[in-house]
Amino acid sequence: MAIQMSSELLDGCVLGLLVHDDYYGYALTQKIQESISVSESTMYPVLRRLKKNDLLTTYDQPYQGRNRRYYKITAEGKRQLSVIQQEWQDFKVGVDKMLGDETNG
């Protein structure tokens, strides 16, 4: 059984990485895949949606004769990340209680 990740939580993961450094799409996907299972075809719609909602901006940089599109978190993205982080902590504590994790009880 694989636990499904909500789009808001995936948004939080993307924003959480971008708060530390800018990434181009493929590198960001690779970084996310180090921790969770997500396909490249899932990531690009997430990035487009976050950009459309002004949580990310993009810029291009040349690399070996081609352009790489980098994603950068915006001030609004940082505010949204903070909201997602708090909601995650509340959710995690509740699930840990139900699953019997005594350290969060």
Protein backbone atom coordinates (compact mmCIF):
# COMPACT_ATOMS: atom_id res chain seq x y z
CA MET A 1 0.00 0.00 0.00
CA ALA A 2 1.29 3.43 -0.88
CA ILE A 3 0.09 6.42 1.09
CA GLN A 4 -1.18 9.11 -1.25
CA MET A 5 0.12 12.64 -0.81
CA SER A 6 -2.28 15.55 -1.06
CA SER A 7 -1.52 18.32 -3.52
CA GLU A 8 -1.18 20.82 -0.66
CA LEU A 9 1.44 18.65 1.04
CA LEU A 10 3.34 18.23 -2.23
CA ASP A 11 3.18 22.02 -2.65
CA GLY A 12 4.69 22.33 0.82
CA CYS A 13 7.52 19.94 -0.07
CA VAL A 14 8.36 21.95 -3.19
CA LEU A 15 8.21 25.26 -1.33
CA GLY A 16 10.23 23.79 1.53
CA LEU A 17 13.08 22.93 -0.82
CA LEU A 18 12.92 26.22 -2.69
CA VAL A 19 13.13 28.26 0.49
CA HIS A 20 16.75 27.10 0.75
CA ASP A 21 17.85 27.30 -2.90
CA ASP A 22 16.57 27.79 -6.44
CA TYR A 23 16.29 24.64 -8.56
CA TYR A 24 15.61 23.85 -12.19
CA GLY A 25 12.73 21.45 -12.78
CA TYR A 26 14.59 18.18 -13.23
CA ALA A 27 16.93 18.81 -10.28
CA LEU A 28 13.96 19.73 -8.09
CA THR A 29 12.19 16.52 -9.09
CA GLN A 30 15.32 14.50 -8.27
CA LYS A 31 15.62 16.21 -4.88
CA ILE A 32 11.97 15.45 -4.03
CA GLN A 33 12.41 11.84 -5.17
CA GLU A 34 15.19 11.41 -2.60
CA SER A 35 12.48 11.50 0.08
CA ILE A 36 9.16 10.61 -1.54
CA SER A 37 7.93 8.77 -4.61
CA VAL A 38 6.71 11.26 -7.20
CA SER A 39 6.92 11.19 -10.98
CA GLU A 40 8.37 13.89 -13.18
CA SER A 41 4.99 14.12 -14.94
CA THR A 42 3.44 15.03 -11.57
CA MET A 43 5.97 17.73 -10.73
CA TYR A 44 5.63 20.04 -13.72
CA PRO A 45 1.88 20.66 -13.26
CA VAL A 46 2.61 21.38 -9.57
CA LEU A 47 5.28 23.91 -10.54
CA ARG A 48 2.97 25.58 -13.09
CA ARG A 49 0.18 25.84 -10.51
CA LEU A 50 2.49 27.30 -7.86
CA LYS A 51 3.76 29.85 -10.38
CA LYS A 52 0.21 30.71 -11.48
CA ASN A 53 -0.68 31.32 -7.81
CA ASP A 54 2.34 33.66 -7.41
CA LEU A 55 4.07 31.31 -4.97
CA LEU A 56 7.01 30.85 -7.38
CA THR A 57 8.75 32.85 -10.06
CA THR A 58 11.00 31.54 -12.80
CA TYR A 59 14.13 32.67 -14.57
CA ASP A 60 16.25 31.06 -17.26
CA GLN A 61 19.99 30.48 -17.21
CA PRO A 62 22.11 29.09 -20.03
CA TYR A 63 23.69 25.69 -19.47
CA GLN A 64 25.73 23.89 -22.12
CA GLY A 65 24.05 25.71 -24.99
CA ARG A 66 20.51 25.36 -23.61
CA ASN A 67 18.43 27.25 -21.11
CA ARG A 68 17.45 25.83 -17.75
CA ARG A 69 14.34 27.24 -16.14
CA TYR A 70 14.91 27.84 -12.45
CA TYR A 71 12.16 28.14 -9.85
CA LYS A 72 12.41 30.64 -7.00
CA ILE A 73 10.04 30.98 -4.05
CA THR A 74 8.27 34.34 -3.65
CA ALA A 75 7.38 36.19 -0.43
CA GLU A 76 3.83 34.87 -0.83
CA GLY A 77 5.28 31.37 -1.29
CA LYS A 78 7.14 31.73 2.01
CA ARG A 79 3.91 32.78 3.75
CA GLN A 80 2.08 29.80 2.25
CA LEU A 81 4.90 27.46 3.31
CA SER A 82 4.51 28.67 6.88
CA VAL A 83 0.77 27.89 6.78
CA ILE A 84 1.39 24.42 5.32
CA GLN A 85 4.08 23.70 7.93
CA GLN A 86 1.68 24.52 10.78
CA GLU A 87 -1.16 22.50 9.24
CA TRP A 88 1.23 19.57 8.75
CA GLN A 89 2.33 19.64 12.39
CA ASP A 90 -1.28 19.62 13.58
CA PHE A 91 -2.17 16.79 11.18
CA LYS A 92 0.94 14.77 12.08
CA VAL A 93 0.25 14.98 15.81
CA GLY A 94 -3.32 13.76 15.27
CA VAL A 95 -2.27 10.83 13.09
CA ASP A 96 0.58 9.90 15.44
CA LYS A 97 -1.92 9.72 18.33
CA MET A 98 -4.20 7.41 16.37
CA LEU A 99 -1.31 5.21 15.25
CA GLY A 100 -0.08 4.82 18.80
CA ASP A 101 3.03 7.02 18.77
CA GLU A 102 3.41 7.68 22.48
CA THR A 103 5.97 10.49 21.98
CA ASN A 104 3.23 12.79 20.63
CA GLY A 105 0.47 11.83 23.03
